[in-house]
């Protein structure tokens, strides 16, 4: 059974930084790990994703502010220059590329407020 354990959310003032971490209990040879977020009343959207070969995608709204990285089965999201509109529940995602299947973490709240 695949488990994704997230950490690092919290409350931060505008302009501040947070770092999210997510460790997967198993990993697939062909995969992508990433972060999605969901604000109240909105859909869950991709924030950033990194594949096993290092290909990275960012949402336009976070380019230049967020950085995704990974070390084997752990993915990190460094979030700088945070804005109130970044407030959401952030979900870690592991996608098995062959016979595609998504796994999700439990979500961690990020609140940007003064």
N, C-alpha and C. Protein backbone atom coordinates (compact mmCIF):
# COMPACT_ATOMS: atom_id res chain seq x y z
N UNK A 1 0.84 -1.19 0.00
CA UNK A 1 0.00 0.00 0.00
C UNK A 1 0.88 1.24 0.00
N UNK A 2 0.57 2.17 -0.89
CA UNK A 2 1.34 3.39 -1.00
C UNK A 2 0.86 4.41 0.02
N UNK A 3 1.79 4.98 0.75
CA UNK A 3 1.47 6.06 1.69
C UNK A 3 2.33 7.27 1.38
N UNK A 4 1.72 8.43 1.44
CA UNK A 4 2.41 9.70 1.24
C UNK A 4 2.27 10.50 2.53
N UNK A 5 3.38 10.83 3.14
CA UNK A 5 3.37 11.56 4.41
C UNK A 5 3.90 12.97 4.18
N UNK A 6 3.03 13.94 4.42
CA UNK A 6 3.35 15.35 4.18
C UNK A 6 3.71 16.06 5.48
N UNK A 7 4.48 17.12 5.34
CA UNK A 7 4.77 17.98 6.48
C UNK A 7 5.16 19.36 5.97
N UNK A 8 5.06 20.36 6.86
CA UNK A 8 5.59 21.68 6.54
C UNK A 8 4.59 22.78 6.34
N UNK A 9 3.31 22.51 6.39
CA UNK A 9 2.34 23.58 6.22
C UNK A 9 2.28 24.47 7.45
N UNK A 10 1.47 25.53 7.36
CA UNK A 10 1.32 26.41 8.50
C UNK A 10 0.84 27.79 8.10
N UNK A 11 0.97 28.71 9.04
CA UNK A 11 0.57 30.10 8.86
C UNK A 11 1.80 30.96 8.65
N UNK A 12 1.76 31.81 7.63
CA UNK A 12 2.90 32.67 7.33
C UNK A 12 2.38 34.01 6.84
N UNK A 13 3.14 35.05 7.08
CA UNK A 13 2.76 36.38 6.62
C UNK A 13 3.07 36.54 5.13
N UNK A 14 2.36 37.43 4.46
CA UNK A 14 2.68 37.70 3.05
C UNK A 14 4.15 38.06 2.89
N UNK A 15 4.76 37.49 1.85
CA UNK A 15 6.18 37.69 1.61
C UNK A 15 7.06 36.66 2.29
N UNK A 16 6.48 35.84 3.13
CA UNK A 16 7.24 34.83 3.86
C UNK A 16 7.47 33.57 3.04
N UNK A 17 8.08 32.58 3.70
CA UNK A 17 8.45 31.33 3.04
C UNK A 17 8.00 30.14 3.87
N UNK A 18 7.75 29.06 3.17
CA UNK A 18 7.48 27.76 3.78
C UNK A 18 8.07 26.68 2.90
N UNK A 19 8.39 25.56 3.51
CA UNK A 19 8.88 24.41 2.77
C UNK A 19 8.03 23.20 3.10
N UNK A 20 7.45 22.60 2.07
CA UNK A 20 6.67 21.38 2.24
C UNK A 20 7.52 20.17 1.86
N UNK A 21 7.28 19.07 2.57
CA UNK A 21 7.96 17.82 2.27
C UNK A 21 6.93 16.71 2.15
N UNK A 22 7.24 15.72 1.33
CA UNK A 22 6.35 14.56 1.17
C UNK A 22 7.20 13.33 0.89
N UNK A 23 7.05 12.34 1.74
CA UNK A 23 7.79 11.10 1.59
C UNK A 23 6.84 9.98 1.18
N UNK A 24 7.21 9.27 0.11
CA UNK A 24 6.41 8.15 -0.37
C UNK A 24 6.97 6.84 0.18
N UNK A 25 6.06 5.94 0.57
CA UNK A 25 6.49 4.66 1.14
C UNK A 25 7.04 3.72 0.08
N UNK A 26 6.59 3.89 -1.15
CA UNK A 26 7.10 3.12 -2.29
C UNK A 26 7.26 4.08 -3.46
N UNK A 27 8.06 3.65 -4.42
CA UNK A 27 8.24 4.48 -5.60
C UNK A 27 8.27 3.57 -6.81
N UNK A 28 7.82 4.07 -7.92
CA UNK A 28 7.78 3.33 -9.17
C UNK A 28 8.92 3.80 -10.07
N UNK A 29 9.38 2.93 -10.93
CA UNK A 29 10.52 3.29 -11.76
C UNK A 29 10.18 4.45 -12.70
N UNK A 30 8.96 4.51 -13.19
CA UNK A 30 8.50 5.61 -14.03
C UNK A 30 7.39 6.32 -13.27
N UNK A 31 7.66 7.56 -12.89
CA UNK A 31 6.71 8.23 -12.01
C UNK A 31 6.89 9.74 -12.08
N UNK A 32 5.92 10.40 -11.49
CA UNK A 32 6.04 11.83 -11.26
C UNK A 32 5.54 12.11 -9.85
N UNK A 33 6.21 13.02 -9.17
CA UNK A 33 5.76 13.47 -7.86
C UNK A 33 5.51 14.96 -7.93
N UNK A 34 4.51 15.39 -7.20
CA UNK A 34 4.21 16.81 -7.28
C UNK A 34 3.27 17.27 -6.20
N UNK A 35 2.88 18.52 -6.33
CA UNK A 35 2.00 19.18 -5.38
C UNK A 35 0.83 19.82 -6.13
N UNK A 36 -0.34 19.61 -5.57
CA UNK A 36 -1.55 20.27 -6.02
C UNK A 36 -2.09 21.09 -4.86
N UNK A 37 -2.97 22.03 -5.16
CA UNK A 37 -3.60 22.77 -4.08
C UNK A 37 -5.06 23.02 -4.39
N UNK A 38 -5.81 23.15 -3.30
CA UNK A 38 -7.25 23.38 -3.43
C UNK A 38 -7.69 24.42 -2.42
N UNK A 39 -8.17 25.54 -2.93
CA UNK A 39 -8.73 26.59 -2.08
C UNK A 39 -10.22 26.35 -1.91
N UNK A 40 -10.82 26.90 -0.86
CA UNK A 40 -12.26 26.69 -0.63
C UNK A 40 -13.09 27.10 -1.83
N UNK A 41 -13.97 26.20 -2.27
CA UNK A 41 -14.85 26.48 -3.38
C UNK A 41 -14.22 26.38 -4.75
N UNK A 42 -12.96 25.94 -4.79
CA UNK A 42 -12.27 25.84 -6.07
C UNK A 42 -11.82 24.41 -6.33
N UNK A 43 -11.42 24.17 -7.58
CA UNK A 43 -10.93 22.84 -7.94
C UNK A 43 -9.49 22.65 -7.47
N UNK A 44 -9.09 21.40 -7.44
CA UNK A 44 -7.70 21.08 -7.11
C UNK A 44 -6.85 21.27 -8.36
N UNK A 45 -5.84 22.10 -8.24
CA UNK A 45 -5.00 22.46 -9.39
C UNK A 45 -3.54 22.09 -9.15
N UNK A 46 -2.86 21.80 -10.24
CA UNK A 46 -1.43 21.50 -10.17
C UNK A 46 -0.65 22.76 -9.76
N UNK A 47 0.27 22.57 -8.83
CA UNK A 47 1.20 23.64 -8.46
C UNK A 47 2.55 23.40 -9.13
N UNK A 48 3.08 22.19 -8.94
CA UNK A 48 4.38 21.84 -9.52
C UNK A 48 4.51 20.33 -9.54
N UNK A 49 5.27 19.85 -10.53
CA UNK A 49 5.46 18.41 -10.69
C UNK A 49 6.88 18.16 -11.18
N UNK A 50 7.48 17.06 -10.71
CA UNK A 50 8.80 16.65 -11.17
C UNK A 50 8.78 15.16 -11.45
N UNK A 51 9.28 14.77 -12.62
CA UNK A 51 9.28 13.37 -13.00
C UNK A 51 10.57 12.68 -12.52
N UNK A 52 10.61 11.37 -12.69
CA UNK A 52 11.79 10.62 -12.25
C UNK A 52 13.03 10.99 -13.08
N UNK A 53 12.83 11.54 -14.29
CA UNK A 53 13.99 11.95 -15.09
C UNK A 53 14.28 13.43 -14.93
N UNK A 54 13.60 14.10 -14.00
CA UNK A 54 13.93 15.48 -13.67
C UNK A 54 13.17 16.54 -14.43
N UNK A 55 12.20 16.15 -15.23
CA UNK A 55 11.38 17.14 -15.93
C UNK A 55 10.45 17.83 -14.94
N UNK A 56 10.42 19.16 -15.00
CA UNK A 56 9.66 19.95 -14.03
C UNK A 56 8.62 20.82 -14.74
N UNK A 57 7.45 20.89 -14.15
CA UNK A 57 6.39 21.79 -14.61
C UNK A 57 5.89 22.61 -13.42
N UNK A 58 5.64 23.89 -13.69
CA UNK A 58 5.06 24.77 -12.67
C UNK A 58 3.79 25.41 -13.21
N UNK A 59 2.87 25.69 -12.30
CA UNK A 59 1.75 26.55 -12.65
C UNK A 59 2.29 27.96 -12.88
N UNK A 60 1.69 28.67 -13.81
CA UNK A 60 2.16 30.02 -14.13
C UNK A 60 2.15 30.92 -12.89
N UNK A 61 1.20 30.72 -12.02
CA UNK A 61 1.03 31.59 -10.86
C UNK A 61 2.14 31.46 -9.83
N UNK A 62 2.95 30.40 -9.91
CA UNK A 62 4.00 30.20 -8.91
C UNK A 62 5.40 30.26 -9.50
N UNK A 63 5.50 30.39 -10.81
CA UNK A 63 6.82 30.44 -11.44
C UNK A 63 7.64 31.59 -10.89
N UNK A 64 8.90 31.31 -10.56
CA UNK A 64 9.78 32.32 -10.01
C UNK A 64 9.68 32.46 -8.50
N UNK A 65 8.68 31.85 -7.90
CA UNK A 65 8.50 31.94 -6.44
C UNK A 65 8.63 30.58 -5.76
N UNK A 66 8.17 29.53 -6.41
CA UNK A 66 8.20 28.19 -5.83
C UNK A 66 9.26 27.36 -6.56
N UNK A 67 9.87 26.44 -5.81
CA UNK A 67 10.85 25.53 -6.39
C UNK A 67 10.56 24.11 -5.92
N UNK A 68 10.42 23.20 -6.86
CA UNK A 68 10.20 21.80 -6.52
C UNK A 68 11.50 21.03 -6.71
N UNK A 69 11.74 20.08 -5.82
CA UNK A 69 12.91 19.23 -5.93
C UNK A 69 12.56 17.87 -5.34
N UNK A 70 13.41 16.90 -5.60
CA UNK A 70 13.16 15.58 -5.05
C UNK A 70 14.48 14.86 -4.77
N UNK A 71 14.37 13.95 -3.82
CA UNK A 71 15.49 13.08 -3.48
C UNK A 71 14.93 11.69 -3.31
N UNK A 72 15.10 10.86 -4.35
CA UNK A 72 14.56 9.50 -4.39
C UNK A 72 13.05 9.54 -4.19
N UNK A 73 12.56 9.13 -3.04
CA UNK A 73 11.12 9.03 -2.85
C UNK A 73 10.54 10.18 -2.03
N UNK A 74 11.29 11.26 -1.90
CA UNK A 74 10.81 12.44 -1.17
C UNK A 74 10.80 13.65 -2.10
N UNK A 75 9.70 14.38 -2.07
CA UNK A 75 9.59 15.58 -2.88
C UNK A 75 9.41 16.79 -1.96
N UNK A 76 10.02 17.90 -2.36
CA UNK A 76 9.99 19.12 -1.58
C UNK A 76 9.40 20.25 -2.42
N UNK A 77 8.76 21.19 -1.73
CA UNK A 77 8.28 22.39 -2.39
C UNK A 77 8.71 23.58 -1.54
N UNK A 78 9.67 24.33 -2.04
CA UNK A 78 10.10 25.55 -1.38
C UNK A 78 9.26 26.69 -1.91
N UNK A 79 8.55 27.35 -1.02
CA UNK A 79 7.62 28.42 -1.40
C UNK A 79 8.12 29.73 -0.82
N UNK A 80 8.49 30.65 -1.70
CA UNK A 80 8.97 31.97 -1.29
C UNK A 80 8.01 33.05 -1.78
N UNK A 81 8.15 34.22 -1.22
CA UNK A 81 7.31 35.37 -1.61
C UNK A 81 5.83 34.99 -1.62
N UNK A 82 5.41 34.37 -0.56
CA UNK A 82 4.04 33.87 -0.51
C UNK A 82 3.04 35.02 -0.50
N UNK A 83 1.90 34.74 -1.15
CA UNK A 83 0.83 35.72 -1.28
C UNK A 83 -0.45 35.16 -0.65
N UNK A 84 -1.36 36.02 -0.26
CA UNK A 84 -2.62 35.52 0.30
C UNK A 84 -3.34 34.54 -0.63
N UNK A 85 -3.21 34.75 -1.93
CA UNK A 85 -3.87 33.85 -2.88
C UNK A 85 -3.23 32.47 -2.97
N UNK A 86 -2.11 32.28 -2.28
CA UNK A 86 -1.51 30.95 -2.19
C UNK A 86 -2.16 30.12 -1.09
N UNK A 87 -3.03 30.73 -0.31
CA UNK A 87 -3.71 30.02 0.76
C UNK A 87 -4.56 28.89 0.20
N UNK A 88 -4.33 27.68 0.70
CA UNK A 88 -5.04 26.50 0.21
C UNK A 88 -4.59 25.28 1.01
N UNK A 89 -5.27 24.17 0.79
CA UNK A 89 -4.76 22.88 1.25
C UNK A 89 -3.88 22.33 0.13
N UNK A 90 -2.67 21.99 0.49
CA UNK A 90 -1.70 21.47 -0.48
C UNK A 90 -1.63 19.95 -0.36
N UNK A 91 -1.77 19.28 -1.49
CA UNK A 91 -1.77 17.83 -1.53
C UNK A 91 -0.57 17.30 -2.30
N UNK A 92 0.11 16.35 -1.70
CA UNK A 92 1.19 15.66 -2.38
C UNK A 92 0.58 14.61 -3.31
N UNK A 93 1.19 14.45 -4.47
CA UNK A 93 0.72 13.47 -5.46
C UNK A 93 1.87 12.63 -5.97
N UNK A 94 1.61 11.34 -6.06
CA UNK A 94 2.52 10.41 -6.73
C UNK A 94 1.75 9.79 -7.88
N UNK A 95 2.27 9.95 -9.08
CA UNK A 95 1.61 9.40 -10.26
C UNK A 95 2.46 8.29 -10.85
N UNK A 96 1.87 7.10 -10.93
CA UNK A 96 2.54 6.00 -11.62
C UNK A 96 2.32 6.20 -13.11
N UNK A 97 3.40 6.30 -13.86
CA UNK A 97 3.30 6.67 -15.26
C UNK A 97 2.78 5.51 -16.11
N UNK A 98 3.28 4.30 -15.87
CA UNK A 98 2.82 3.13 -16.62
C UNK A 98 1.57 2.60 -15.93
N UNK A 99 0.54 2.31 -16.72
CA UNK A 99 -0.78 1.99 -16.16
C UNK A 99 -1.14 3.07 -15.15
N UNK A 100 -1.36 4.28 -15.65
CA UNK A 100 -1.46 5.46 -14.80
C UNK A 100 -2.39 5.33 -13.60
N UNK A 101 -1.88 5.74 -12.46
CA UNK A 101 -2.64 5.71 -11.23
C UNK A 101 -2.09 6.81 -10.32
N UNK A 102 -2.99 7.51 -9.66
CA UNK A 102 -2.60 8.59 -8.77
C UNK A 102 -2.78 8.19 -7.31
N UNK A 103 -1.81 8.61 -6.51
CA UNK A 103 -1.89 8.45 -5.07
C UNK A 103 -1.79 9.84 -4.45
N UNK A 104 -2.51 10.04 -3.31
CA UNK A 104 -2.59 11.36 -2.70
C UNK A 104 -2.22 11.32 -1.23
N UNK A 105 -1.59 12.40 -0.78
CA UNK A 105 -1.39 12.58 0.63
C UNK A 105 -2.65 13.12 1.28
N UNK A 106 -2.59 13.32 2.59
CA UNK A 106 -3.77 13.72 3.34
C UNK A 106 -4.04 15.21 3.24
N UNK A 107 -3.06 15.97 2.76
CA UNK A 107 -3.21 17.41 2.61
C UNK A 107 -2.65 18.15 3.81
N UNK A 108 -2.06 19.31 3.53
CA UNK A 108 -1.54 20.16 4.58
C UNK A 108 -1.96 21.61 4.30
N UNK A 109 -2.43 22.28 5.33
CA UNK A 109 -2.96 23.63 5.17
C UNK A 109 -1.84 24.65 5.12
N UNK A 110 -1.89 25.51 4.12
CA UNK A 110 -1.00 26.66 4.02
C UNK A 110 -1.87 27.91 4.05
N UNK A 111 -1.63 28.78 5.02
CA UNK A 111 -2.39 30.01 5.15
C UNK A 111 -1.43 31.19 5.12
N UNK A 112 -1.68 32.10 4.19
CA UNK A 112 -0.86 33.30 4.06
C UNK A 112 -1.72 34.49 4.45
N UNK A 113 -1.38 35.07 5.60
CA UNK A 113 -2.21 36.14 6.13
C UNK A 113 -1.41 36.99 7.10
N UNK A 114 -1.74 38.27 7.14
CA UNK A 114 -1.11 39.16 8.10
C UNK A 114 -1.96 39.25 9.37
